[in-house]
Amino acid sequence: MDLNNAQLGKEYVIQNIETDDEELDTFLFSLGCYSGEKITVVSRRKSGCVVAIKDARYSIDAQLAAAITVK
């Protein structure tokens, strides 16, 4: 399941991040967004969602949310 289908407020574990951009992968890793890390969808917006990773919140677009697979 990707983040677009995740329930609000429920904590998930990132399974995989499927992007074709190595620079984006490196950026996400620097934010703490990588396989095995816990992530929570805090709210949804028309263009994406707000997620909590570790002690921070980030706004991501729907395309990136679709690339993040969680379990």
PDB file of N, CA and C in Angstrom:
ATOM      1  N   MET A   1       0.854  -1.175   0.000  1.00  0.00           N
ATOM      2  CA  MET A   1       0.000   0.000   0.000  1.00  0.00           C
ATOM      3  C   MET A   1       0.899   1.237   0.000  1.00  0.00           C
ATOM      4  N   ASP A   2       0.478   2.267  -0.730  1.00  0.00           N
ATOM      5  CA  ASP A   2       1.254   3.503  -0.723  1.00  0.00           C
ATOM      6  C   ASP A   2       0.634   4.518   0.245  1.00  0.00           C
ATOM      7  N   LEU A   3       1.318   5.628   0.445  1.00  0.00           N
ATOM      8  CA  LEU A   3       0.852   6.627   1.419  1.00  0.00           C
ATOM      9  C   LEU A   3      -0.466   7.281   1.034  1.00  0.00           C
ATOM     10  N   ASN A   4      -0.803   7.303  -0.254  1.00  0.00           N
ATOM     11  CA  ASN A   4      -2.090   7.876  -0.662  1.00  0.00           C
ATOM     12  C   ASN A   4      -3.261   7.070  -0.115  1.00  0.00           C
ATOM     13  N   ASN A   5      -3.048   5.805   0.187  1.00  0.00           N
ATOM     14  CA  ASN A   5      -4.112   4.939   0.696  1.00  0.00           C
ATOM     15  C   ASN A   5      -4.002   4.673   2.193  1.00  0.00           C
ATOM     16  N   ALA A   6      -3.021   5.248   2.842  1.00  0.00           N
ATOM     17  CA  ALA A   6      -2.801   5.024   4.276  1.00  0.00           C
ATOM     18  C   ALA A   6      -3.837   5.780   5.111  1.00  0.00           C
ATOM     19  N   GLN A   7      -4.170   5.211   6.261  1.00  0.00           N
ATOM     20  CA  GLN A   7      -5.119   5.840   7.178  1.00  0.00           C
ATOM     21  C   GLN A   7      -4.448   6.995   7.911  1.00  0.00           C
ATOM     22  N   LEU A   8      -5.218   8.041   8.161  1.00  0.00           N
ATOM     23  CA  LEU A   8      -4.715   9.175   8.928  1.00  0.00           C
ATOM     24  C   LEU A   8      -4.417   8.759  10.364  1.00  0.00           C
ATOM     25  N   GLY A   9      -3.291   9.205  10.885  1.00  0.00           N
ATOM     26  CA  GLY A   9      -2.956   8.975  12.279  1.00  0.00           C
ATOM     27  C   GLY A   9      -2.404   7.607  12.610  1.00  0.00           C
ATOM     28  N   LYS A  10      -2.389   6.691  11.679  1.00  0.00           N
ATOM     29  CA  LYS A  10      -1.873   5.343  11.935  1.00  0.00           C
ATOM     30  C   LYS A  10      -0.394   5.280  11.557  1.00  0.00           C
ATOM     31  N   GLU A  11       0.395   4.689  12.434  1.00  0.00           N
ATOM     32  CA  GLU A  11       1.829   4.578  12.175  1.00  0.00           C
ATOM     33  C   GLU A  11       2.117   3.374  11.288  1.00  0.00           C
ATOM     34  N   TYR A  12       2.901   3.597  10.265  1.00  0.00           N
ATOM     35  CA  TYR A  12       3.292   2.553   9.316  1.00  0.00           C
ATOM     36  C   TYR A  12       4.811   2.454   9.277  1.00  0.00           C
ATOM     37  N   VAL A  13       5.300   1.375   8.691  1.00  0.00           N
ATOM     38  CA  VAL A  13       6.737   1.198   8.473  1.00  0.00           C
ATOM     39  C   VAL A  13       6.979   1.275   6.968  1.00  0.00           C
ATOM     40  N   ILE A  14       7.946   2.096   6.572  1.00  0.00           N
ATOM     41  CA  ILE A  14       8.262   2.238   5.151  1.00  0.00           C
ATOM     42  C   ILE A  14       8.881   0.941   4.651  1.00  0.00           C
ATOM     43  N   GLN A  15       8.294   0.403   3.606  1.00  0.00           N
ATOM     44  CA  GLN A  15       8.779  -0.836   3.007  1.00  0.00           C
ATOM     45  C   GLN A  15       9.749  -0.544   1.875  1.00  0.00           C
ATOM     46  N   ASN A  16       9.396   0.411   1.022  1.00  0.00           N
ATOM     47  CA  ASN A  16      10.185   0.690  -0.161  1.00  0.00           C
ATOM     48  C   ASN A  16       9.865   2.093  -0.672  1.00  0.00           C
ATOM     49  N   ILE A  17      10.843   2.720  -1.321  1.00  0.00           N
ATOM     50  CA  ILE A  17      10.630   4.011  -1.975  1.00  0.00           C
ATOM     51  C   ILE A  17      11.071   3.842  -3.416  1.00  0.00           C
ATOM     52  N   GLU A  18      10.129   3.993  -4.339  1.00  0.00           N
ATOM     53  CA  GLU A  18      10.410   3.751  -5.757  1.00  0.00           C
ATOM     54  C   GLU A  18      10.423   5.063  -6.533  1.00  0.00           C
ATOM     55  N   THR A  19      11.615   5.646  -6.656  1.00  0.00           N
ATOM     56  CA  THR A  19      11.782   6.837  -7.482  1.00  0.00           C
ATOM     57  C   THR A  19      12.910   6.572  -8.475  1.00  0.00           C
ATOM     58  N   ASP A  20      12.892   7.287  -9.573  1.00  0.00           N
ATOM     59  CA  ASP A  20      13.944   7.156 -10.586  1.00  0.00           C
ATOM     60  C   ASP A  20      15.023   8.212 -10.412  1.00  0.00           C
ATOM     61  N   ASP A  21      14.863   9.057  -9.404  1.00  0.00           N
ATOM     62  CA  ASP A  21      15.769  10.180  -9.191  1.00  0.00           C
ATOM     63  C   ASP A  21      16.683   9.903  -8.004  1.00  0.00           C
ATOM     64  N   GLU A  22      17.955   9.686  -8.260  1.00  0.00           N
ATOM     65  CA  GLU A  22      18.909   9.377  -7.192  1.00  0.00           C
ATOM     66  C   GLU A  22      19.060  10.547  -6.222  1.00  0.00           C
ATOM     67  N   GLU A  23      18.975  11.772  -6.744  1.00  0.00           N
ATOM     68  CA  GLU A  23      19.081  12.959  -5.892  1.00  0.00           C
ATOM     69  C   GLU A  23      17.896  13.029  -4.922  1.00  0.00           C
ATOM     70  N   LEU A  24      16.712  12.683  -5.391  1.00  0.00           N
ATOM     71  CA  LEU A  24      15.528  12.661  -4.538  1.00  0.00           C
ATOM     72  C   LEU A  24      15.664  11.579  -3.471  1.00  0.00           C
ATOM     73  N   ASP A  25      16.177  10.418  -3.851  1.00  0.00           N
ATOM     74  CA  ASP A  25      16.407   9.340  -2.882  1.00  0.00           C
ATOM     75  C   ASP A  25      17.356   9.794  -1.774  1.00  0.00           C
ATOM     76  N   THR A  26      18.415  10.482  -2.149  1.00  0.00           N
ATOM     77  CA  THR A  26      19.388  10.985  -1.180  1.00  0.00           C
ATOM     78  C   THR A  26      18.751  12.018  -0.264  1.00  0.00           C
ATOM     79  N   PHE A  27      17.931  12.898  -0.835  1.00  0.00           N
ATOM     80  CA  PHE A  27      17.244  13.917  -0.036  1.00  0.00           C
ATOM     81  C   PHE A  27      16.297  13.268   0.969  1.00  0.00           C
ATOM     82  N   LEU A  28      15.498  12.298   0.504  1.00  0.00           N
ATOM     83  CA  LEU A  28      14.564  11.617   1.400  1.00  0.00           C
ATOM     84  C   LEU A  28      15.313  10.892   2.517  1.00  0.00           C
ATOM     85  N   PHE A  29      16.434  10.282   2.185  1.00  0.00           N
ATOM     86  CA  PHE A  29      17.242   9.599   3.192  1.00  0.00           C
ATOM     87  C   PHE A  29      17.733  10.585   4.248  1.00  0.00           C
ATOM     88  N   SER A  30      18.114  11.786   3.822  1.00  0.00           N
ATOM     89  CA  SER A  30      18.587  12.799   4.773  1.00  0.00           C
ATOM     90  C   SER A  30      17.474  13.268   5.707  1.00  0.00           C
ATOM     91  N   LEU A  31      16.215  13.139   5.258  1.00  0.00           N
ATOM     92  CA  LEU A  31      15.073  13.492   6.106  1.00  0.00           C
ATOM     93  C   LEU A  31      14.697  12.368   7.065  1.00  0.00           C
ATOM     94  N   GLY A  32      15.269  11.183   6.840  1.00  0.00           N
ATOM     95  CA  GLY A  32      14.929  10.025   7.658  1.00  0.00           C
ATOM     96  C   GLY A  32      13.878   9.153   7.020  1.00  0.00           C
ATOM     97  N   CYS A  33      13.615   9.369   5.755  1.00  0.00           N
ATOM     98  CA  CYS A  33      12.603   8.610   5.020  1.00  0.00           C
ATOM     99  C   CYS A  33      13.290   7.505   4.223  1.00  0.00           C
ATOM    100  N   TYR A  34      13.361   6.310   4.826  1.00  0.00           N
ATOM    101  CA  TYR A  34      14.005   5.163   4.182  1.00  0.00           C
ATOM    102  C   TYR A  34      13.368   3.881   4.700  1.00  0.00           C
ATOM    103  N   SER A  35      13.652   2.774   4.059  1.00  0.00           N
ATOM    104  CA  SER A  35      13.065   1.475   4.423  1.00  0.00           C
ATOM    105  C   SER A  35      13.314   1.159   5.893  1.00  0.00           C
ATOM    106  N   GLY A  36      12.248   0.713   6.570  1.00  0.00           N
ATOM    107  CA  GLY A  36      12.343   0.350   7.979  1.00  0.00           C
ATOM    108  C   GLY A  36      11.983   1.460   8.941  1.00  0.00           C
ATOM    109  N   GLU A  37      11.917   2.687   8.457  1.00  0.00           N
ATOM    110  CA  GLU A  37      11.592   3.827   9.314  1.00  0.00           C
ATOM    111  C   GLU A  37      10.076   3.951   9.466  1.00  0.00           C
ATOM    112  N   LYS A  38       9.644   4.459  10.613  1.00  0.00           N
ATOM    113  CA  LYS A  38       8.214   4.645  10.869  1.00  0.00           C
ATOM    114  C   LYS A  38       7.755   5.978  10.283  1.00  0.00           C
ATOM    115  N   ILE A  39       6.514   5.975   9.756  1.00  0.00           N
ATOM    116  CA  ILE A  39       5.936   7.168   9.133  1.00  0.00           C
ATOM    117  C   ILE A  39       4.438   7.206   9.429  1.00  0.00           C
ATOM    118  N   THR A  40       3.911   8.401   9.627  1.00  0.00           N
ATOM    119  CA  THR A  40       2.489   8.588   9.912  1.00  0.00           C
ATOM    120  C   THR A  40       1.937   9.685   9.006  1.00  0.00           C
ATOM    121  N   VAL A  41       0.784   9.428   8.391  1.00  0.00           N
ATOM    122  CA  VAL A  41       0.102  10.467   7.601  1.00  0.00           C
ATOM    123  C   VAL A  41      -0.694  11.311   8.584  1.00  0.00           C
ATOM    124  N   VAL A  42      -0.324  12.586   8.695  1.00  0.00           N
ATOM    125  CA  VAL A  42      -0.945  13.486   9.659  1.00  0.00           C
ATOM    126  C   VAL A  42      -2.204  14.119   9.090  1.00  0.00           C
ATOM    127  N   SER A  43      -2.146  14.539   7.815  1.00  0.00           N
ATOM    128  CA  SER A  43      -3.318  15.131   7.169  1.00  0.00           C
ATOM    129  C   SER A  43      -3.199  14.973   5.658  1.00  0.00           C
ATOM    130  N   ARG A  44      -4.320  15.151   5.002  1.00  0.00           N
ATOM    131  CA  ARG A  44      -4.358  15.062   3.538  1.00  0.00           C
ATOM    132  C   ARG A  44      -4.709  16.426   2.952  1.00  0.00           C
ATOM    133  N   ARG A  45      -4.144  16.672   1.788  1.00  0.00           N
ATOM    134  CA  ARG A  45      -4.446  17.884   1.035  1.00  0.00           C
ATOM    135  C   ARG A  45      -4.796  17.482  -0.379  1.00  0.00           C
ATOM    136  N   LYS A  46      -5.326  18.415  -1.105  1.00  0.00           N
ATOM    137  CA  LYS A  46      -5.693  18.149  -2.496  1.00  0.00           C
ATOM    138  C   LYS A  46      -4.484  17.712  -3.314  1.00  0.00           C
ATOM    139  N   SER A  47      -3.346  18.335  -3.059  1.00  0.00           N
ATOM    140  CA  SER A  47      -2.143  18.062  -3.840  1.00  0.00           C
ATOM    141  C   SER A  47      -1.218  17.024  -3.214  1.00  0.00           C
ATOM    142  N   GLY A  48      -1.559  16.481  -2.041  1.00  0.00           N
ATOM    143  CA  GLY A  48      -0.686  15.507  -1.384  1.00  0.00           C
ATOM    144  C   GLY A  48      -1.073  15.290   0.063  1.00  0.00           C
ATOM    145  N   CYS A  49      -0.048  15.148   0.917  1.00  0.00           N
ATOM    146  CA  CYS A  49      -0.329  14.920   2.329  1.00  0.00           C
ATOM    147  C   CYS A  49       0.818  15.432   3.194  1.00  0.00           C
ATOM    148  N   VAL A  50       0.551  15.522   4.482  1.00  0.00           N
ATOM    149  CA  VAL A  50       1.567  15.889   5.463  1.00  0.00           C
ATOM    150  C   VAL A  50       1.888  14.625   6.241  1.00  0.00           C
ATOM    151  N   VAL A  51       3.189  14.311   6.341  1.00  0.00           N
ATOM    152  CA  VAL A  51       3.618  13.107   7.033  1.00  0.00           C
ATOM    153  C   VAL A  51       4.536  13.461   8.187  1.00  0.00           C
ATOM    154  N   ALA A  52       4.549  12.605   9.193  1.00  0.00           N
ATOM    155  CA  ALA A  52       5.466  12.743  10.323  1.00  0.00           C
ATOM    156  C   ALA A  52       6.491  11.629  10.241  1.00  0.00           C
ATOM    157  N   ILE A  53       7.762  12.025  10.220  1.00  0.00           N
ATOM    158  CA  ILE A  53       8.876  11.090  10.224  1.00  0.00           C
ATOM    159  C   ILE A  53       9.783  11.519  11.362  1.00  0.00           C
ATOM    160  N   LYS A  54      10.052  10.588  12.274  1.00  0.00           N
ATOM    161  CA  LYS A  54      10.832  10.895  13.479  1.00  0.00           C
ATOM    162  C   LYS A  54      10.132  12.035  14.208  1.00  0.00           C
ATOM    163  N   ASP A  55      10.800  13.150  14.452  1.00  0.00           N
ATOM    164  CA  ASP A  55      10.196  14.263  15.190  1.00  0.00           C
ATOM    165  C   ASP A  55       9.834  15.442  14.299  1.00  0.00           C
ATOM    166  N   ALA A  56       9.698  15.211  12.997  1.00  0.00           N
ATOM    167  CA  ALA A  56       9.434  16.313  12.070  1.00  0.00           C
ATOM    168  C   ALA A  56       8.235  16.000  11.185  1.00  0.00           C
ATOM    169  N   ARG A  57       7.656  17.053  10.620  1.00  0.00           N
ATOM    170  CA  ARG A  57       6.538  16.915   9.685  1.00  0.00           C
ATOM    171  C   ARG A  57       6.938  17.508   8.342  1.00  0.00           C
ATOM    172  N   TYR A  58       6.517  16.810   7.276  1.00  0.00           N
ATOM    173  CA  TYR A  58       6.853  17.236   5.922  1.00  0.00           C
ATOM    174  C   TYR A  58       5.618  17.160   5.043  1.00  0.00           C
ATOM    175  N   SER A  59       5.514  18.101   4.126  1.00  0.00           N
ATOM    176  CA  SER A  59       4.440  18.086   3.141  1.00  0.00           C
ATOM    177  C   SER A  59       4.996  17.463   1.869  1.00  0.00           C
ATOM    178  N   ILE A  60       4.329  16.424   1.371  1.00  0.00           N
ATOM    179  CA  ILE A  60       4.778  15.766   0.150  1.00  0.00           C
ATOM    180  C   ILE A  60       3.635  15.738  -0.854  1.00  0.00           C
ATOM    181  N   ASP A  61       3.974  15.748  -2.132  1.00  0.00           N
ATOM    182  CA  ASP A  61       2.931  15.736  -3.153  1.00  0.00           C
ATOM    183  C   ASP A  61       2.413  14.316  -3.380  1.00  0.00           C
ATOM    184  N   ALA A  62       1.308  14.200  -4.082  1.00  0.00           N
ATOM    185  CA  ALA A  62       0.650  12.911  -4.290  1.00  0.00           C
ATOM    186  C   ALA A  62       1.528  11.940  -5.063  1.00  0.00           C
ATOM    187  N   GLN A  63       2.331  12.447  -5.998  1.00  0.00           N
ATOM    188  CA  GLN A  63       3.206  11.583  -6.790  1.00  0.00           C
ATOM    189  C   GLN A  63       4.282  10.931  -5.910  1.00  0.00           C
ATOM    190  N   LEU A  64       4.874  11.699  -5.002  1.00  0.00           N
ATOM    191  CA  LEU A  64       5.867  11.138  -4.093  1.00  0.00           C
ATOM    192  C   LEU A  64       5.208  10.198  -3.080  1.00  0.00           C
ATOM    193  N   ALA A  65       4.009  10.548  -2.615  1.00  0.00           N
ATOM    194  CA  ALA A  65       3.288   9.673  -1.693  1.00  0.00           C
ATOM    195  C   ALA A  65       2.984   8.331  -2.336  1.00  0.00           C
ATOM    196  N   ALA A  66       2.727   8.327  -3.634  1.00  0.00           N
ATOM    197  CA  ALA A  66       2.462   7.079  -4.347  1.00  0.00           C
ATOM    198  C   ALA A  66       3.726   6.232  -4.474  1.00  0.00           C
ATOM    199  N   ALA A  67       4.889   6.858  -4.425  1.00  0.00           N
ATOM    200  CA  ALA A  67       6.158   6.145  -4.560  1.00  0.00           C
ATOM    201  C   ALA A  67       6.623   5.511  -3.260  1.00  0.00           C
ATOM    202  N   ILE A  68       6.015   5.891  -2.137  1.00  0.00           N
ATOM    203  CA  ILE A  68       6.409   5.358  -0.830  1.00  0.00           C
ATOM    204  C   ILE A  68       5.455   4.236  -0.434  1.00  0.00           C
ATOM    205  N   THR A  69       5.985   3.021  -0.397  1.00  0.00           N
ATOM    206  CA  THR A  69       5.194   1.838  -0.036  1.00  0.00           C
ATOM    207  C   THR A  69       5.369   1.564   1.453  1.00  0.00           C
ATOM    208  N   VAL A  70       4.241   1.340   2.143  1.00  0.00           N
ATOM    209  CA  VAL A  70       4.281   1.097   3.584  1.00  0.00           C
ATOM    210  C   VAL A  70       3.558  -0.210   3.919  1.00  0.00           C
ATOM    211  N   LYS A  71       3.839  -0.702   5.122  1.00  0.00           N
ATOM    212  CA  LYS A  71       3.118  -1.886   5.617  1.00  0.00           C
ATOM    213  C   LYS A  71       2.655  -1.652   7.030  1.00  0.00           C
TER     214      LYS A  71
END
